[in-house]
Amino acid sequence: MGDDQVRSARRGPGRPRQEHVTRAVLDAVVDLVSESGMGALTMDAVAARAGVSKPAVYRRWSTKRDLVIAAAESRIGPLEVADLGDFRSELRAVLSARMETYRQPGVDRLLAGVIGAAAEEGAVRAAFGAYATRVTSETRHVLERGIARGDVRPDIDVGATVTLVASSLLFRLVAEQRLPDEALVESVVDLIGRAVAARP
């Protein structure tokens, strides 16, 4: 057996365990926030709920902020939509995927917690901003693809449009305390579609 094979054999059993710990910790964060809100979220509580040591948590996330963002991204992370040849179809795919995610138990309180944490005094805004950029990247891509294809106006404010798209389902979920549904998705697709459609 060569050196590379020996090293691979030694590493092999460790990786599934590491992934298991990571998954258990992020699930624990979501469960705690869902059940009791952000006030219940401490490193001690997360470690106990996940069945791991507190050092195991700190090795992966040095602050509670990093842990909250990681938990949010484990549920609401970047997505990809294939080129469907039509901006509205692609926007509908983005919104439908987000709708399904937002309807999962605990996601409303988790997102509310992320928003609240981002607004706290002393919060490292760049970390939350970077997460938001990752989550909305596909909407930006869909808009830019539509511009290149010619079915989206080239003069639109892409950043503002991305914000409008992302905030529609989020506001329904967190502020209005109602689950987003297909009717909302279709309304947003129609409104945004008409606003950005390339004129013949």
N, C-alpha and C. Protein backbone atom coordinates (compact mmCIF):
# COMPACT_ATOMS: atom_id res chain seq x y z
N MET A 1 0.86 -1.20 0.00
CA MET A 1 0.00 0.00 0.00
C MET A 1 0.89 1.23 0.00
N GLY A 2 0.65 2.20 -0.93
CA GLY A 2 1.46 3.40 -1.02
C GLY A 2 1.16 4.38 0.09
N ASP A 3 2.03 5.43 0.18
CA ASP A 3 1.85 6.44 1.23
C ASP A 3 0.52 7.15 1.10
N ASP A 4 0.15 7.48 -0.15
CA ASP A 4 -1.12 8.19 -0.37
C ASP A 4 -2.30 7.34 0.09
N GLN A 5 -2.23 6.04 -0.19
CA GLN A 5 -3.33 5.15 0.22
C GLN A 5 -3.40 5.04 1.74
N VAL A 6 -2.23 5.02 2.39
CA VAL A 6 -2.20 4.95 3.84
C VAL A 6 -2.83 6.19 4.44
N ARG A 7 -2.43 7.38 3.90
CA ARG A 7 -3.00 8.63 4.42
C ARG A 7 -4.50 8.67 4.20
N SER A 8 -4.96 8.21 3.02
CA SER A 8 -6.38 8.20 2.71
C SER A 8 -7.13 7.27 3.64
N ALA A 9 -6.55 6.11 3.92
CA ALA A 9 -7.19 5.15 4.82
C ALA A 9 -7.30 5.71 6.22
N ARG A 10 -6.29 6.47 6.64
CA ARG A 10 -6.34 7.05 7.99
C ARG A 10 -7.39 8.16 8.08
N ARG A 11 -7.53 8.92 6.97
CA ARG A 11 -8.50 10.02 6.99
C ARG A 11 -9.93 9.55 6.81
N GLY A 12 -10.10 8.48 6.07
CA GLY A 12 -11.42 8.03 5.65
C GLY A 12 -12.48 7.99 6.72
N PRO A 13 -12.24 7.30 7.85
CA PRO A 13 -13.29 7.17 8.86
C PRO A 13 -13.63 8.49 9.54
N GLY A 14 -12.71 9.48 9.50
CA GLY A 14 -12.96 10.72 10.23
C GLY A 14 -13.96 11.63 9.56
N ARG A 15 -13.98 11.67 8.25
CA ARG A 15 -14.81 12.63 7.55
C ARG A 15 -16.31 12.46 7.84
N PRO A 16 -16.89 11.27 7.76
CA PRO A 16 -18.31 11.14 8.08
C PRO A 16 -18.64 11.61 9.49
N ARG A 17 -17.73 11.37 10.44
CA ARG A 17 -17.97 11.83 11.81
C ARG A 17 -18.00 13.35 11.87
N GLN A 18 -17.07 14.00 11.17
CA GLN A 18 -17.04 15.46 11.17
C GLN A 18 -18.32 16.03 10.56
N GLU A 19 -18.77 15.43 9.46
CA GLU A 19 -20.00 15.89 8.83
C GLU A 19 -21.20 15.66 9.74
N HIS A 20 -21.18 14.56 10.47
CA HIS A 20 -22.27 14.27 11.40
C HIS A 20 -22.33 15.31 12.51
N VAL A 21 -21.17 15.69 13.05
CA VAL A 21 -21.13 16.70 14.11
C VAL A 21 -21.65 18.03 13.58
N THR A 22 -21.17 18.43 12.41
CA THR A 22 -21.61 19.69 11.82
C THR A 22 -23.12 19.71 11.63
N ARG A 23 -23.66 18.64 11.07
CA ARG A 23 -25.10 18.56 10.84
C ARG A 23 -25.88 18.59 12.15
N ALA A 24 -25.38 17.87 13.16
CA ALA A 24 -26.07 17.83 14.45
C ALA A 24 -26.10 19.21 15.10
N VAL A 25 -25.00 19.94 15.00
CA VAL A 25 -24.94 21.27 15.60
C VAL A 25 -25.88 22.24 14.89
N LEU A 26 -25.86 22.24 13.57
CA LEU A 26 -26.73 23.17 12.83
C LEU A 26 -28.20 22.83 13.03
N ASP A 27 -28.52 21.54 13.10
CA ASP A 27 -29.89 21.14 13.40
C ASP A 27 -30.30 21.60 14.79
N ALA A 28 -29.37 21.52 15.73
CA ALA A 28 -29.66 21.95 17.11
C ALA A 28 -29.96 23.43 17.16
N VAL A 29 -29.22 24.23 16.40
CA VAL A 29 -29.48 25.68 16.36
C VAL A 29 -30.90 25.93 15.86
N VAL A 30 -31.25 25.31 14.75
CA VAL A 30 -32.58 25.52 14.18
C VAL A 30 -33.66 25.08 15.17
N ASP A 31 -33.48 23.95 15.81
CA ASP A 31 -34.47 23.44 16.76
C ASP A 31 -34.63 24.39 17.95
N LEU A 32 -33.52 24.86 18.50
CA LEU A 32 -33.58 25.74 19.67
C LEU A 32 -34.26 27.06 19.34
N VAL A 33 -33.88 27.64 18.21
CA VAL A 33 -34.49 28.91 17.81
C VAL A 33 -35.97 28.73 17.52
N SER A 34 -36.30 27.62 16.86
CA SER A 34 -37.70 27.34 16.53
C SER A 34 -38.55 27.18 17.78
N GLU A 35 -38.00 26.51 18.78
CA GLU A 35 -38.76 26.21 19.99
C GLU A 35 -38.82 27.40 20.96
N SER A 36 -37.70 28.11 21.10
CA SER A 36 -37.62 29.10 22.17
C SER A 36 -37.09 30.46 21.76
N GLY A 37 -36.79 30.65 20.49
CA GLY A 37 -36.28 31.94 20.03
C GLY A 37 -34.80 32.09 20.23
N MET A 38 -34.27 33.22 19.76
CA MET A 38 -32.84 33.46 19.80
C MET A 38 -32.31 33.57 21.23
N GLY A 39 -33.17 33.94 22.16
CA GLY A 39 -32.73 34.07 23.55
C GLY A 39 -32.24 32.76 24.14
N ALA A 40 -32.70 31.65 23.60
CA ALA A 40 -32.31 30.34 24.12
C ALA A 40 -31.01 29.85 23.50
N LEU A 41 -30.49 30.61 22.55
CA LEU A 41 -29.33 30.13 21.80
C LEU A 41 -28.02 30.53 22.47
N THR A 42 -27.42 29.57 23.13
CA THR A 42 -26.08 29.74 23.69
C THR A 42 -25.23 28.58 23.19
N MET A 43 -23.92 28.75 23.25
CA MET A 43 -23.04 27.68 22.81
C MET A 43 -23.24 26.44 23.68
N ASP A 44 -23.47 26.64 24.98
CA ASP A 44 -23.72 25.52 25.88
C ASP A 44 -24.98 24.76 25.48
N ALA A 45 -26.05 25.53 25.21
CA ALA A 45 -27.32 24.89 24.86
C ALA A 45 -27.21 24.13 23.54
N VAL A 46 -26.50 24.73 22.58
CA VAL A 46 -26.34 24.09 21.28
C VAL A 46 -25.54 22.79 21.42
N ALA A 47 -24.44 22.85 22.17
CA ALA A 47 -23.61 21.66 22.36
C ALA A 47 -24.41 20.54 23.03
N ALA A 48 -25.18 20.91 24.07
CA ALA A 48 -25.97 19.91 24.79
C ALA A 48 -27.03 19.30 23.87
N ARG A 49 -27.70 20.14 23.12
CA ARG A 49 -28.76 19.66 22.23
C ARG A 49 -28.18 18.76 21.13
N ALA A 50 -27.00 19.12 20.63
CA ALA A 50 -26.38 18.35 19.54
C ALA A 50 -25.68 17.10 20.04
N GLY A 51 -25.45 17.03 21.37
CA GLY A 51 -24.74 15.88 21.91
C GLY A 51 -23.26 15.89 21.60
N VAL A 52 -22.69 17.10 21.54
CA VAL A 52 -21.25 17.24 21.28
C VAL A 52 -20.65 18.14 22.35
N SER A 53 -19.33 18.20 22.38
CA SER A 53 -18.66 19.07 23.35
C SER A 53 -18.69 20.52 22.88
N LYS A 54 -18.60 21.46 23.82
CA LYS A 54 -18.56 22.86 23.43
C LYS A 54 -17.32 23.19 22.60
N PRO A 55 -16.14 22.61 22.92
CA PRO A 55 -14.98 22.85 22.05
C PRO A 55 -15.22 22.41 20.61
N ALA A 56 -16.02 21.34 20.43
CA ALA A 56 -16.31 20.88 19.06
C ALA A 56 -17.10 21.94 18.30
N VAL A 57 -17.95 22.67 19.01
CA VAL A 57 -18.71 23.75 18.37
C VAL A 57 -17.77 24.90 18.05
N TYR A 58 -16.96 25.31 19.02
CA TYR A 58 -16.06 26.45 18.82
C TYR A 58 -15.00 26.18 17.75
N ARG A 59 -14.64 24.94 17.55
CA ARG A 59 -13.66 24.64 16.51
C ARG A 59 -14.21 24.97 15.12
N ARG A 60 -15.52 24.90 14.99
CA ARG A 60 -16.15 25.16 13.70
C ARG A 60 -16.63 26.59 13.57
N TRP A 61 -17.16 27.15 14.65
CA TRP A 61 -17.70 28.51 14.62
C TRP A 61 -17.23 29.24 15.88
N SER A 62 -16.43 30.26 15.70
CA SER A 62 -15.83 30.93 16.85
C SER A 62 -16.79 31.87 17.56
N THR A 63 -17.87 32.28 16.89
CA THR A 63 -18.83 33.18 17.52
C THR A 63 -20.25 32.67 17.27
N LYS A 64 -21.17 33.15 18.09
CA LYS A 64 -22.57 32.77 17.90
C LYS A 64 -23.08 33.31 16.57
N ARG A 65 -22.59 34.49 16.19
CA ARG A 65 -22.99 35.06 14.89
C ARG A 65 -22.66 34.11 13.75
N ASP A 66 -21.44 33.58 13.75
CA ASP A 66 -21.03 32.66 12.69
C ASP A 66 -21.90 31.41 12.70
N LEU A 67 -22.24 30.96 13.89
CA LEU A 67 -23.06 29.76 14.03
C LEU A 67 -24.47 30.00 13.49
N VAL A 68 -25.04 31.15 13.81
CA VAL A 68 -26.39 31.47 13.33
C VAL A 68 -26.42 31.58 11.81
N ILE A 69 -25.42 32.24 11.24
CA ILE A 69 -25.36 32.36 9.79
C ILE A 69 -25.21 30.99 9.14
N ALA A 70 -24.36 30.15 9.72
CA ALA A 70 -24.17 28.80 9.17
C ALA A 70 -25.47 28.00 9.24
N ALA A 71 -26.20 28.14 10.35
CA ALA A 71 -27.48 27.42 10.48
C ALA A 71 -28.48 27.91 9.46
N ALA A 72 -28.53 29.23 9.28
CA ALA A 72 -29.44 29.78 8.28
C ALA A 72 -29.08 29.30 6.89
N GLU A 73 -27.79 29.28 6.60
CA GLU A 73 -27.36 28.85 5.27
C GLU A 73 -27.58 27.37 5.05
N SER A 74 -27.62 26.59 6.15
CA SER A 74 -27.91 25.17 5.99
C SER A 74 -29.35 24.94 5.55
N ARG A 75 -30.22 25.91 5.83
CA ARG A 75 -31.62 25.81 5.42
C ARG A 75 -31.91 26.68 4.20
N ILE A 76 -31.35 27.89 4.19
CA ILE A 76 -31.59 28.84 3.11
C ILE A 76 -30.25 29.25 2.54
N GLY A 77 -29.76 28.45 1.62
CA GLY A 77 -28.46 28.71 1.02
C GLY A 77 -28.59 29.07 -0.45
N PRO A 78 -27.48 29.21 -1.12
CA PRO A 78 -27.51 29.50 -2.55
C PRO A 78 -28.23 28.40 -3.32
N LEU A 79 -28.82 28.76 -4.44
CA LEU A 79 -29.47 27.77 -5.29
C LEU A 79 -29.10 28.05 -6.74
N GLU A 80 -29.40 27.11 -7.60
CA GLU A 80 -29.11 27.26 -9.03
C GLU A 80 -30.36 26.93 -9.83
N VAL A 81 -30.62 27.75 -10.84
CA VAL A 81 -31.75 27.53 -11.74
C VAL A 81 -31.19 27.40 -13.15
N ALA A 82 -31.59 26.36 -13.84
CA ALA A 82 -31.12 26.15 -15.21
C ALA A 82 -31.65 27.24 -16.13
N ASP A 83 -30.98 27.41 -17.24
CA ASP A 83 -31.43 28.35 -18.27
C ASP A 83 -32.70 27.78 -18.90
N LEU A 84 -33.83 28.41 -18.60
CA LEU A 84 -35.12 27.93 -19.11
C LEU A 84 -35.56 28.69 -20.35
N GLY A 85 -34.72 29.64 -20.77
CA GLY A 85 -35.03 30.39 -21.99
C GLY A 85 -36.02 31.51 -21.80
N ASP A 86 -36.41 31.77 -20.54
CA ASP A 86 -37.43 32.80 -20.29
C ASP A 86 -37.25 33.33 -18.87
N PHE A 87 -37.16 34.65 -18.72
CA PHE A 87 -36.92 35.24 -17.41
C PHE A 87 -38.01 34.90 -16.41
N ARG A 88 -39.25 34.99 -16.82
CA ARG A 88 -40.35 34.73 -15.88
C ARG A 88 -40.30 33.30 -15.35
N SER A 89 -40.02 32.36 -16.22
CA SER A 89 -39.95 30.96 -15.79
C SER A 89 -38.83 30.76 -14.78
N GLU A 90 -37.71 31.41 -15.03
CA GLU A 90 -36.57 31.28 -14.11
C GLU A 90 -36.84 31.98 -12.79
N LEU A 91 -37.48 33.15 -12.83
CA LEU A 91 -37.84 33.85 -11.60
C LEU A 91 -38.83 33.01 -10.79
N ARG A 92 -39.79 32.40 -11.48
CA ARG A 92 -40.76 31.53 -10.80
C ARG A 92 -40.04 30.36 -10.13
N ALA A 93 -39.04 29.81 -10.78
CA ALA A 93 -38.29 28.69 -10.21
C ALA A 93 -37.55 29.12 -8.94
N VAL A 94 -36.95 30.31 -8.97
CA VAL A 94 -36.25 30.84 -7.79
C VAL A 94 -37.24 31.03 -6.63
N LEU A 95 -38.34 31.70 -6.91
CA LEU A 95 -39.31 32.00 -5.86
C LEU A 95 -39.99 30.74 -5.33
N SER A 96 -40.27 29.78 -6.20
CA SER A 96 -40.90 28.54 -5.77
C SER A 96 -39.98 27.75 -4.85
N ALA A 97 -38.69 27.73 -5.18
CA ALA A 97 -37.72 27.03 -4.33
C ALA A 97 -37.64 27.69 -2.96
N ARG A 98 -37.62 29.01 -2.93
CA ARG A 98 -37.57 29.73 -1.66
C ARG A 98 -38.87 29.52 -0.87
N MET A 99 -39.99 29.53 -1.56
CA MET A 99 -41.27 29.32 -0.89
C MET A 99 -41.28 27.98 -0.16
N GLU A 100 -40.83 26.93 -0.82
CA GLU A 100 -40.80 25.60 -0.20
C GLU A 100 -39.90 25.59 1.03
N THR A 101 -38.77 26.26 0.93
CA THR A 101 -37.85 26.32 2.07
C THR A 101 -38.45 27.11 3.22
N TYR A 102 -39.06 28.24 2.92
CA TYR A 102 -39.62 29.10 3.96
C TYR A 102 -40.79 28.44 4.69
N ARG A 103 -41.41 27.48 4.05
CA ARG A 103 -42.55 26.81 4.67
C ARG A 103 -42.12 25.70 5.64
N GLN A 104 -40.83 25.42 5.73
CA GLN A 104 -40.35 24.39 6.65
C GLN A 104 -40.47 24.88 8.09
N PRO A 105 -40.77 23.98 9.03
CA PRO A 105 -40.90 24.37 10.44
C PRO A 105 -39.63 25.03 10.97
N GLY A 106 -39.81 26.13 11.67
CA GLY A 106 -38.69 26.80 12.33
C GLY A 106 -37.95 27.81 11.50
N VAL A 107 -38.16 27.81 10.18
CA VAL A 107 -37.42 28.73 9.33
C VAL A 107 -37.83 30.18 9.59
N ASP A 108 -39.10 30.41 9.90
CA ASP A 108 -39.54 31.79 10.16
C ASP A 108 -38.79 32.39 11.35
N ARG A 109 -38.68 31.66 12.44
CA ARG A 109 -38.00 32.19 13.63
C ARG A 109 -36.49 32.28 13.39
N LEU A 110 -35.96 31.36 12.62
CA LEU A 110 -34.54 31.40 12.31
C LEU A 110 -34.21 32.65 11.51
N LEU A 111 -35.00 32.94 10.48
CA LEU A 111 -34.77 34.13 9.67
C LEU A 111 -34.99 35.40 10.48
N ALA A 112 -36.01 35.40 11.32
CA ALA A 112 -36.23 36.56 12.19
C ALA A 112 -35.03 36.77 13.10
N GLY A 113 -34.46 35.68 13.58
CA GLY A 113 -33.28 35.77 14.43
C GLY A 113 -32.08 36.32 13.69
N VAL A 114 -31.90 35.89 12.46
CA VAL A 114 -30.79 36.40 11.64
C VAL A 114 -30.95 37.90 11.41
N ILE A 115 -32.16 38.32 11.07
CA ILE A 115 -32.41 39.75 10.83
C ILE A 115 -32.18 40.55 12.10
N GLY A 116 -32.68 40.03 13.23
CA GLY A 116 -32.49 40.72 14.50
C GLY A 116 -31.02 40.80 14.89
N ALA A 117 -30.29 39.72 14.68
CA ALA A 117 -28.87 39.71 15.02
C ALA A 117 -28.09 40.69 14.15
N ALA A 118 -28.48 40.80 12.89
CA ALA A 118 -27.80 41.72 11.99
C ALA A 118 -28.02 43.17 12.39
N ALA A 119 -29.16 43.44 13.04
CA ALA A 119 -29.49 44.81 13.43
C ALA A 119 -28.96 45.20 14.81
N GLU A 120 -28.41 44.25 15.54
CA GLU A 120 -27.92 44.55 16.88
C GLU A 120 -26.73 45.48 16.83
N GLU A 121 -26.62 46.30 17.87
CA GLU A 121 -25.48 47.20 17.97
C GLU A 121 -24.19 46.38 18.05
N GLY A 122 -23.22 46.78 17.26
CA GLY A 122 -21.94 46.07 17.27
C GLY A 122 -21.90 44.86 16.36
N ALA A 123 -23.01 44.57 15.69
CA ALA A 123 -23.02 43.41 14.79
C ALA A 123 -22.03 43.64 13.64
N VAL A 124 -21.40 42.59 13.22
CA VAL A 124 -20.48 42.67 12.08
C VAL A 124 -21.35 42.58 10.82
N ARG A 125 -21.74 43.73 10.34
CA ARG A 125 -22.70 43.76 9.23
C ARG A 125 -22.18 43.05 7.99
N ALA A 126 -20.86 43.09 7.78
CA ALA A 126 -20.30 42.50 6.57
C ALA A 126 -20.60 41.00 6.49
N ALA A 127 -20.59 40.33 7.64
CA ALA A 127 -20.84 38.88 7.64
C ALA A 127 -22.27 38.59 7.20
N PHE A 128 -23.22 39.37 7.71
CA PHE A 128 -24.62 39.15 7.33
C PHE A 128 -24.85 39.58 5.88
N GLY A 129 -24.18 40.66 5.48
CA GLY A 129 -24.30 41.12 4.10
C GLY A 129 -23.77 40.09 3.12
N ALA A 130 -22.66 39.45 3.49
CA ALA A 130 -22.08 38.42 2.62
C ALA A 130 -23.03 37.24 2.48
N TYR A 131 -23.70 36.88 3.59
CA TYR A 131 -24.67 35.79 3.52
C TYR A 131 -25.83 36.17 2.60
N ALA A 132 -26.35 37.39 2.75
CA ALA A 132 -27.44 37.84 1.90
C ALA A 132 -27.05 37.84 0.43
N THR A 133 -25.82 38.23 0.15
CA THR A 133 -25.33 38.23 -1.23
C THR A 133 -25.30 36.82 -1.79
N ARG A 134 -24.85 35.86 -0.99
CA ARG A 134 -24.82 34.47 -1.45
C ARG A 134 -26.22 33.95 -1.72
N VAL A 135 -27.14 34.26 -0.83
CA VAL A 135 -28.50 33.73 -0.95
C VAL A 135 -29.23 34.32 -2.16
N THR A 136 -28.93 35.57 -2.49
CA THR A 136 -29.64 36.22 -3.61
C THR A 136 -28.86 36.15 -4.92
N SER A 137 -27.75 35.44 -4.93
CA SER A 137 -26.89 35.44 -6.11
C SER A 137 -27.59 34.89 -7.35
N GLU A 138 -28.47 33.90 -7.17
CA GLU A 138 -29.11 33.31 -8.34
C GLU A 138 -30.15 34.26 -8.93
N THR A 139 -30.81 35.05 -8.10
CA THR A 139 -31.75 36.04 -8.63
C THR A 139 -30.99 37.04 -9.50
N ARG A 140 -29.85 37.48 -9.01
CA ARG A 140 -29.01 38.39 -9.81
C ARG A 140 -28.60 37.71 -11.12
N HIS A 141 -28.21 36.45 -11.03
CA HIS A 141 -27.79 35.72 -12.23
C HIS A 141 -28.92 35.61 -13.24
N VAL A 142 -30.12 35.31 -12.75
CA VAL A 142 -31.28 35.18 -13.62
C VAL A 142 -31.58 36.51 -14.32
N LEU A 143 -31.48 37.61 -13.58
CA LEU A 143 -31.71 38.93 -14.18
C LEU A 143 -30.65 39.24 -15.23
N GLU A 144 -29.39 38.99 -14.89
CA GLU A 144 -28.31 39.27 -15.85
C GLU A 144 -28.43 38.38 -17.09
N ARG A 145 -28.86 37.14 -16.88
CA ARG A 145 -29.06 36.24 -18.02
C ARG A 145 -30.22 36.76 -18.89
N GLY A 146 -31.25 37.29 -18.26
CA GLY A 146 -32.37 37.84 -19.01
C GLY A 146 -31.97 39.06 -19.83
N ILE A 147 -31.10 39.88 -19.25
CA ILE A 147 -30.60 41.04 -19.99
C ILE A 147 -29.80 40.58 -21.21
N ALA A 148 -28.92 39.61 -20.99
CA ALA A 148 -28.09 39.09 -22.10
C ALA A 148 -28.97 38.44 -23.17
N ARG A 149 -30.04 37.79 -22.74
CA ARG A 149 -30.94 37.09 -23.67
C ARG A 149 -31.80 38.09 -24.43
N GLY A 150 -32.13 39.21 -23.75
CA GLY A 150 -32.93 40.23 -24.39
C GLY A 150 -34.36 40.31 -23.91
N ASP A 151 -34.75 39.50 -22.91
CA ASP A 151 -36.13 39.60 -22.41
C ASP A 151 -36.22 40.42 -21.13
N VAL A 152 -35.11 40.95 -20.64
CA VAL A 152 -35.10 41.88 -19.51
C VAL A 152 -34.42 43.17 -19.98
N ARG A 153 -35.01 44.30 -19.61
CA ARG A 153 -34.46 45.60 -20.01
C ARG A 153 -33.03 45.78 -19.51
N PRO A 154 -32.14 46.29 -20.32
CA PRO A 154 -30.76 46.46 -19.90
C PRO A 154 -30.55 47.63 -18.94
N ASP A 155 -31.55 48.51 -18.81
CA ASP A 155 -31.38 49.71 -17.98
C ASP A 155 -31.93 49.53 -16.56
N ILE A 156 -32.35 48.33 -16.19
CA ILE A 156 -32.92 48.16 -14.86
C ILE A 156 -31.83 48.25 -13.79
N ASP A 157 -32.24 48.58 -12.59
CA ASP A 157 -31.35 48.55 -11.44
C ASP A 157 -31.38 47.11 -10.91
N VAL A 158 -30.36 46.34 -11.24
CA VAL A 158 -30.35 44.92 -10.88
C VAL A 158 -30.36 44.75 -9.37
N GLY A 159 -29.57 45.53 -8.65
CA GLY A 159 -29.50 45.41 -7.20
C GLY A 159 -30.85 45.66 -6.53
N ALA A 160 -31.54 46.71 -6.97
CA ALA A 160 -32.85 47.04 -6.40
C ALA A 160 -33.87 45.95 -6.72
N THR A 161 -33.80 45.40 -7.93
CA THR A 161 -34.72 44.34 -8.31
C THR A 161 -34.48 43.08 -7.49
N VAL A 162 -33.22 42.75 -7.26
CA VAL A 162 -32.89 41.60 -6.42
C VAL A 162 -33.48 41.78 -5.02
N THR A 163 -33.36 42.98 -4.47
CA THR A 163 -33.92 43.26 -3.14
C THR A 163 -35.43 43.09 -3.13
N LEU A 164 -36.10 43.59 -4.15
CA LEU A 164 -37.56 43.46 -4.23
C LEU A 164 -37.98 41.99 -4.28
N VAL A 165 -37.29 41.22 -5.08
CA VAL A 165 -37.63 39.81 -5.21
C VAL A 165 -37.42 39.09 -3.88
N ALA A 166 -36.26 39.30 -3.27
CA ALA A 166 -35.94 38.59 -2.03
C ALA A 166 -36.85 39.00 -0.88
N SER A 167 -37.19 40.27 -0.81
CA SER A 167 -37.96 40.76 0.34
C SER A 167 -39.43 40.35 0.28
N SER A 168 -39.95 40.03 -0.88
CA SER A 168 -41.38 39.75 -0.99
C SER A 168 -41.80 38.56 -0.13
N LEU A 169 -41.13 37.44 -0.30
CA LEU A 169 -41.48 36.24 0.48
C LEU A 169 -41.02 36.38 1.93
N LEU A 170 -39.89 37.04 2.12
CA LEU A 170 -39.35 37.20 3.47
C LEU A 170 -40.27 38.05 4.34
N PHE A 171 -40.80 39.14 3.80
CA PHE A 171 -41.70 40.01 4.56
C PHE A 171 -42.99 39.27 4.89
N ARG A 172 -43.51 38.52 3.93
CA ARG A 172 -44.72 37.74 4.19
C ARG A 172 -44.50 36.79 5.36
N LEU A 173 -43.35 36.14 5.39
CA LEU A 173 -43.06 35.12 6.40
C LEU A 173 -42.78 35.73 7.76
N VAL A 174 -41.88 36.70 7.82
CA VAL A 174 -41.40 37.20 9.11
C VAL A 174 -42.28 38.31 9.66
N ALA A 175 -42.62 39.29 8.84
CA ALA A 175 -43.38 40.44 9.33
C ALA A 175 -44.88 40.16 9.40
N GLU A 176 -45.41 39.54 8.34
CA GLU A 176 -46.85 39.28 8.32
C GLU A 176 -47.22 37.98 9.01
N GLN A 177 -46.22 37.15 9.32
CA GLN A 177 -46.43 35.87 10.01
C GLN A 177 -47.40 34.97 9.26
N ARG A 178 -47.23 34.96 7.93
CA ARG A 178 -48.03 34.08 7.08
C ARG A 178 -47.09 33.32 6.16
N LEU A 179 -47.42 32.08 5.88
CA LEU A 179 -46.58 31.30 4.98
C LEU A 179 -46.75 31.78 3.55
N PRO A 180 -45.65 32.02 2.84
CA PRO A 180 -45.77 32.37 1.43
C PRO A 180 -46.36 31.19 0.66
N ASP A 181 -47.13 31.50 -0.37
CA ASP A 181 -47.79 30.44 -1.14
C ASP A 181 -47.63 30.69 -2.63
N GLU A 182 -48.22 29.80 -3.42
CA GLU A 182 -48.08 29.90 -4.87
C GLU A 182 -48.73 31.17 -5.41
N ALA A 183 -49.79 31.63 -4.77
CA ALA A 183 -50.45 32.86 -5.23
C ALA A 183 -49.50 34.05 -5.10
N LEU A 184 -48.77 34.11 -4.00
CA LEU A 184 -47.80 35.19 -3.82
C LEU A 184 -46.68 35.08 -4.85
N VAL A 185 -46.20 33.87 -5.06
CA VAL A 185 -45.15 33.66 -6.06
C VAL A 185 -45.61 34.17 -7.42
N GLU A 186 -46.82 33.80 -7.83
CA GLU A 186 -47.30 34.22 -9.14
C GLU A 186 -47.49 35.73 -9.22
N SER A 187 -47.93 36.34 -8.13
CA SER A 187 -48.09 37.80 -8.12
C SER A 187 -46.75 38.50 -8.28
N VAL A 188 -45.74 38.00 -7.57
CA VAL A 188 -44.41 38.61 -7.66
C VAL A 188 -43.83 38.41 -9.06
N VAL A 189 -43.98 37.21 -9.61
CA VAL A 189 -43.50 36.96 -10.97
C VAL A 189 -44.16 37.92 -11.95
N ASP A 190 -45.46 38.12 -11.80
CA ASP A 190 -46.20 39.00 -12.71
C ASP A 190 -45.74 40.45 -12.55
N LEU A 191 -45.66 40.91 -11.30
CA LEU A 191 -45.30 42.32 -11.05
C LEU A 191 -43.87 42.62 -11.48
N ILE A 192 -42.94 41.78 -11.06
CA ILE A 192 -41.54 42.00 -11.43
C ILE A 192 -41.35 41.79 -12.93
N GLY A 193 -42.02 40.77 -13.45
CA GLY A 193 -41.91 40.50 -14.88
C GLY A 193 -42.34 41.67 -15.72
N ARG A 194 -43.48 42.30 -15.37
CA ARG A 194 -43.95 43.45 -16.12
C ARG A 194 -43.03 44.65 -15.95
N ALA A 195 -42.45 44.79 -14.75
CA ALA A 195 -41.61 45.94 -14.48
C ALA A 195 -40.29 45.90 -15.24
N VAL A 196 -39.75 44.70 -15.44
CA VAL A 196 -38.41 44.62 -16.03
C VAL A 196 -38.43 44.10 -17.48
N ALA A 197 -39.60 43.77 -17.99
CA ALA A 197 -39.66 43.17 -19.33
C ALA A 197 -39.11 44.12 -20.39
N ALA A 198 -38.33 43.56 -21.29
CA ALA A 198 -37.80 44.35 -22.40
C ALA A 198 -38.97 44.79 -23.29
N ARG A 199 -38.94 46.04 -23.68
CA ARG A 199 -40.00 46.55 -24.55
C ARG A 199 -39.72 46.14 -25.99
N PRO A 200 -40.76 45.70 -26.72
CA PRO A 200 -40.55 45.30 -28.12
C PRO A 200 -40.14 46.49 -28.97
